[in-house]
Protein backbone atom coordinates (compact mmCIF):
# COMPACT_ATOMS: atom_id res chain seq x y z
CA GLY A 1 26.26 -27.87 -29.99
CA ALA A 2 27.55 -29.50 -32.50
CA SER A 3 25.65 -30.85 -35.48
CA GLU A 4 26.35 -32.81 -38.55
CA THR A 5 24.22 -32.60 -41.71
CA THR A 6 24.97 -35.59 -44.47
CA THR A 7 23.26 -36.02 -47.83
CA LEU A 8 22.15 -39.33 -49.15
CA HIS A 9 23.98 -39.59 -52.11
CA THR A 10 27.46 -37.88 -52.33
CA LEU A 11 28.64 -38.72 -49.27
CA ASN A 12 28.84 -34.80 -48.57
CA ARG A 13 28.86 -33.99 -45.11
CA ALA A 14 28.77 -30.42 -43.18
CA PHE A 15 29.90 -30.09 -39.96
CA HIS A 16 29.24 -27.20 -37.48
CA SER A 17 29.86 -26.67 -33.48
CA SER A 18 29.18 -23.89 -31.64
CA LEU A 19 29.49 -22.61 -28.24
CA ASP A 20 27.73 -19.73 -26.73
CA ALA A 21 27.23 -17.73 -23.81
CA ARG A 22 23.97 -15.30 -23.15
CA LEU A 23 22.66 -12.89 -20.69
CA ASP A 24 19.13 -12.29 -20.12
CA PHE A 25 17.90 -9.58 -17.97
CA ALA A 26 14.36 -7.74 -17.58
CA LEU A 27 15.04 -3.88 -16.61
CA ASN A 28 11.15 -3.82 -15.69
CA ASP A 29 8.03 -5.43 -16.52
CA ASP A 30 8.06 -3.67 -20.03
CA ILE A 31 11.91 -3.97 -20.84
CA ARG A 32 13.68 -7.08 -21.31
CA SER A 33 17.39 -7.46 -23.04
CA GLU A 34 19.23 -10.37 -24.30
CA PHE A 35 23.04 -9.99 -25.28
CA GLY A 36 25.53 -13.20 -25.74
CA MET A 37 28.54 -14.08 -27.92
CA THR A 38 28.95 -17.10 -30.00
CA TYR A 39 31.76 -19.06 -31.66
CA GLU A 40 31.22 -21.24 -34.61
CA ARG A 41 33.37 -23.61 -36.48
CA LEU A 42 32.05 -24.77 -39.75
CA SER A 43 33.39 -27.22 -42.22
CA THR A 44 32.56 -29.51 -45.21
CA ARG A 45 33.81 -32.62 -46.75
CA LEU A 46 32.98 -34.17 -50.14
CA THR A 47 33.78 -37.92 -50.67
CA ALA A 48 32.96 -39.13 -54.46
CA PRO A 49 30.56 -42.27 -53.84
CA THR A 50 33.33 -44.96 -55.39
CA PRO A 51 35.65 -47.28 -53.41
CA SER A 52 38.72 -45.13 -54.79
CA ALA A 53 37.50 -41.80 -53.60
CA GLN A 54 39.15 -39.33 -52.14
CA SER A 55 37.96 -36.67 -49.49
CA ILE A 56 38.33 -32.82 -50.25
CA THR A 57 37.72 -31.00 -47.21
CA ARG A 58 37.13 -27.50 -47.13
CA VAL A 59 39.59 -25.21 -44.67
CA PRO A 60 37.04 -24.86 -41.56
CA ILE A 61 36.15 -21.27 -41.06
CA ARG A 62 35.63 -19.76 -37.77
CA LEU A 63 32.81 -17.56 -36.74
CA LEU A 64 33.10 -15.24 -33.69
CA ALA A 65 29.40 -13.37 -32.71
CA GLY A 66 28.18 -10.90 -30.63
CA PHE A 67 24.63 -10.17 -30.34
CA GLY A 68 21.81 -8.27 -28.54
CA SER A 69 17.87 -7.72 -28.72
CA LEU A 70 15.92 -5.20 -26.79
CA ARG A 71 12.15 -6.29 -26.31
CA LEU A 72 9.77 -3.30 -25.51
CA SER A 73 5.99 -4.20 -24.43
CA PRO A 74 4.17 -0.68 -25.00
CA THR A 75 0.68 -2.53 -23.85
CA PRO A 76 0.01 -5.72 -22.51
CA ILE A 77 -0.82 -6.98 -26.00
CA VAL A 78 2.26 -5.69 -27.58
CA GLU A 79 5.39 -6.49 -27.86
CA ALA A 80 8.15 -5.41 -30.19
CA GLU A 81 11.66 -6.28 -30.82
CA LEU A 82 15.03 -5.03 -31.91
CA GLY A 83 18.26 -6.83 -32.44
CA VAL A 84 21.06 -7.01 -34.47
CA ARG A 85 24.00 -10.20 -34.53
CA ILE A 86 27.68 -8.52 -35.56
CA VAL A 87 29.65 -11.89 -36.85
CA TYR A 88 33.14 -11.65 -37.36
CA ALA A 89 34.55 -13.97 -39.74
CA THR A 90 38.02 -15.14 -39.26
CA SER A 91 38.79 -16.22 -42.84
CA HIS A 92 37.46 -13.08 -44.39
CA ARG A 93 38.57 -10.40 -41.76
CA ARG A 94 35.09 -8.53 -42.02
CA PHE A 95 32.35 -7.78 -39.70
CA TYR A 96 29.03 -8.69 -40.72
CA PRO A 97 25.98 -7.03 -39.33
CA ASP A 98 22.60 -9.25 -39.39
CA PRO A 99 19.64 -7.16 -37.92
CA HIS A 100 16.04 -8.20 -37.28
CA VAL A 101 13.17 -6.22 -36.35
CA THR A 102 9.51 -8.70 -34.84
CA LEU A 103 6.48 -7.39 -33.60
CA ARG A 104 4.29 -9.43 -31.67
CA MET A 105 0.63 -8.97 -30.71
CA GLY A 106 -1.60 -11.35 -28.79
CA GLN A 107 -4.25 -12.33 -25.94
CA ALA A 108 -5.09 -15.41 -24.10
CA GLN A 109 -8.49 -13.86 -23.36
CA SER A 110 -10.93 -11.97 -25.86
CA LEU A 111 -14.28 -11.80 -27.85
CA VAL A 112 -12.91 -13.94 -30.04
CA GLY A 113 -10.94 -16.54 -28.19
CA PRO A 114 -6.90 -16.54 -27.71
CA TRP A 115 -5.22 -15.03 -30.52
CA ALA A 116 -1.46 -14.19 -31.46
CA ALA A 117 0.12 -12.32 -34.62
CA ARG A 118 3.52 -12.17 -35.25
CA ILE A 119 5.20 -10.48 -38.35
CA GLY A 120 9.47 -10.15 -38.56
CA PHE A 121 11.99 -8.95 -40.90
CA GLY A 122 15.83 -9.88 -41.00
CA THR A 123 18.84 -9.87 -42.74
CA PHE A 124 21.41 -12.86 -42.35
CA HIS A 125 24.72 -13.85 -44.07
CA GLN A 126 24.95 -17.24 -45.09
CA HIS A 127 28.48 -18.89 -44.10
CA LEU A 128 27.65 -22.28 -45.37
CA LEU A 129 25.81 -22.99 -48.29
CA ALA A 130 23.28 -25.63 -49.18
CA ASN A 131 23.40 -26.10 -53.38
CA ARG A 132 21.48 -28.77 -55.37
CA THR A 133 23.53 -30.27 -58.30
CA PRO A 134 22.14 -32.69 -61.07
CA SER A 135 22.50 -36.60 -59.91
CA TYR A 136 21.62 -39.13 -62.51
CA SER A 137 21.75 -42.02 -59.46
CA PRO A 138 18.13 -43.43 -59.52
CA ALA A 139 18.26 -43.45 -55.75
CA SER A 140 18.20 -39.71 -55.99
CA PRO A 141 14.49 -38.65 -54.80
CA PHE A 142 14.58 -35.47 -57.17
CA GLY A 143 17.44 -35.96 -59.50
CA THR A 144 19.51 -33.86 -57.48
CA ASP A 145 22.35 -34.20 -54.41
CA LEU A 146 22.56 -31.62 -51.81
CA VAL A 147 26.31 -30.60 -52.06
CA TRP A 148 27.11 -28.24 -48.68
CA THR A 149 29.56 -25.43 -49.30
CA VAL A 150 31.87 -23.47 -46.64
CA LEU A 151 32.55 -19.88 -47.81
CA ASP A 152 35.92 -19.58 -47.88
CA THR A 153 37.91 -15.95 -49.09
CA SER A 154 37.32 -17.18 -52.22
CA LEU A 155 33.84 -16.61 -52.50
CA GLN A 156 31.47 -13.53 -51.45
CA ILE A 157 29.12 -14.04 -48.70
CA PRO A 158 25.80 -13.92 -49.60
CA THR A 159 22.90 -11.97 -47.81
CA ALA A 160 19.24 -13.02 -47.40
CA GLY A 161 16.58 -10.99 -46.31
CA HIS A 162 13.94 -13.18 -44.58
CA LEU A 163 10.32 -12.00 -44.15
CA ALA A 164 7.83 -13.84 -42.01
CA ALA A 165 4.47 -13.48 -40.60
CA GLU A 166 2.02 -15.71 -38.71
CA MET A 167 -1.40 -15.44 -37.26
CA ARG A 168 -3.31 -17.91 -34.82
CA LEU A 169 -7.01 -17.76 -33.58
CA GLU A 170 -9.02 -20.48 -31.35
CA PRO A 171 -12.47 -19.29 -31.07
CA LEU A 172 -13.36 -22.57 -29.58
CA SER A 173 -11.51 -24.79 -27.50
CA TRP A 174 -11.26 -27.51 -30.18
CA LEU A 175 -11.16 -25.57 -32.91
CA ALA A 176 -7.89 -23.21 -34.25
CA PHE A 177 -7.18 -21.12 -37.18
CA GLN A 178 -3.62 -20.68 -38.34
CA ALA A 179 -2.23 -18.50 -41.40
CA ASP A 180 1.44 -18.67 -42.00
CA GLY A 181 3.54 -16.57 -44.63
CA TYR A 182 7.63 -16.72 -45.59
CA TYR A 183 9.43 -14.54 -48.21
CA ARG A 184 13.18 -14.60 -48.64
CA THR A 185 15.64 -12.92 -51.10
CA GLN A 186 18.79 -13.30 -51.84
CA ARG A 187 21.92 -11.25 -52.83
CA ARG A 188 25.58 -10.90 -52.89
CA ALA A 189 27.26 -9.05 -49.68
């Protein structure tokens, strides 16, 4: 799919287009797998908000990625997923592995009602960044503008670690409790 993100005050645009193919299959009831490939193109355009402004377009980068995951269900209420996405950035001529692991548990019927829980961790390389810069425009809602940047060979690709957890419990058909947590850490590659 293709997407375009535009910020409100700086006329900064990020363009993202992708094409992917994937194959899902089950080896049996307890083991499922998914494999695929993705081609992505990322670019940005920054135009100053004046009538005589010139656009600055960053050279687009292209990403080729292969990904795979294995889902194991050792019991009816537990599922574990192990996966990796390996991205080749043509601009950097380098491979970037992004592994992830997820543990899911849940039951549609139990003494306390339906419940589900999930915890997952993964590392991700960020080839397109959104940065906030100071803005003195009264129309800027938070005093900042969002500036999109495609990371070419002049910049290092940062890595972010994401940890997410959630739990949901429905003791009655009209009552549900849900808790979510998310933690992110970022470092340079």
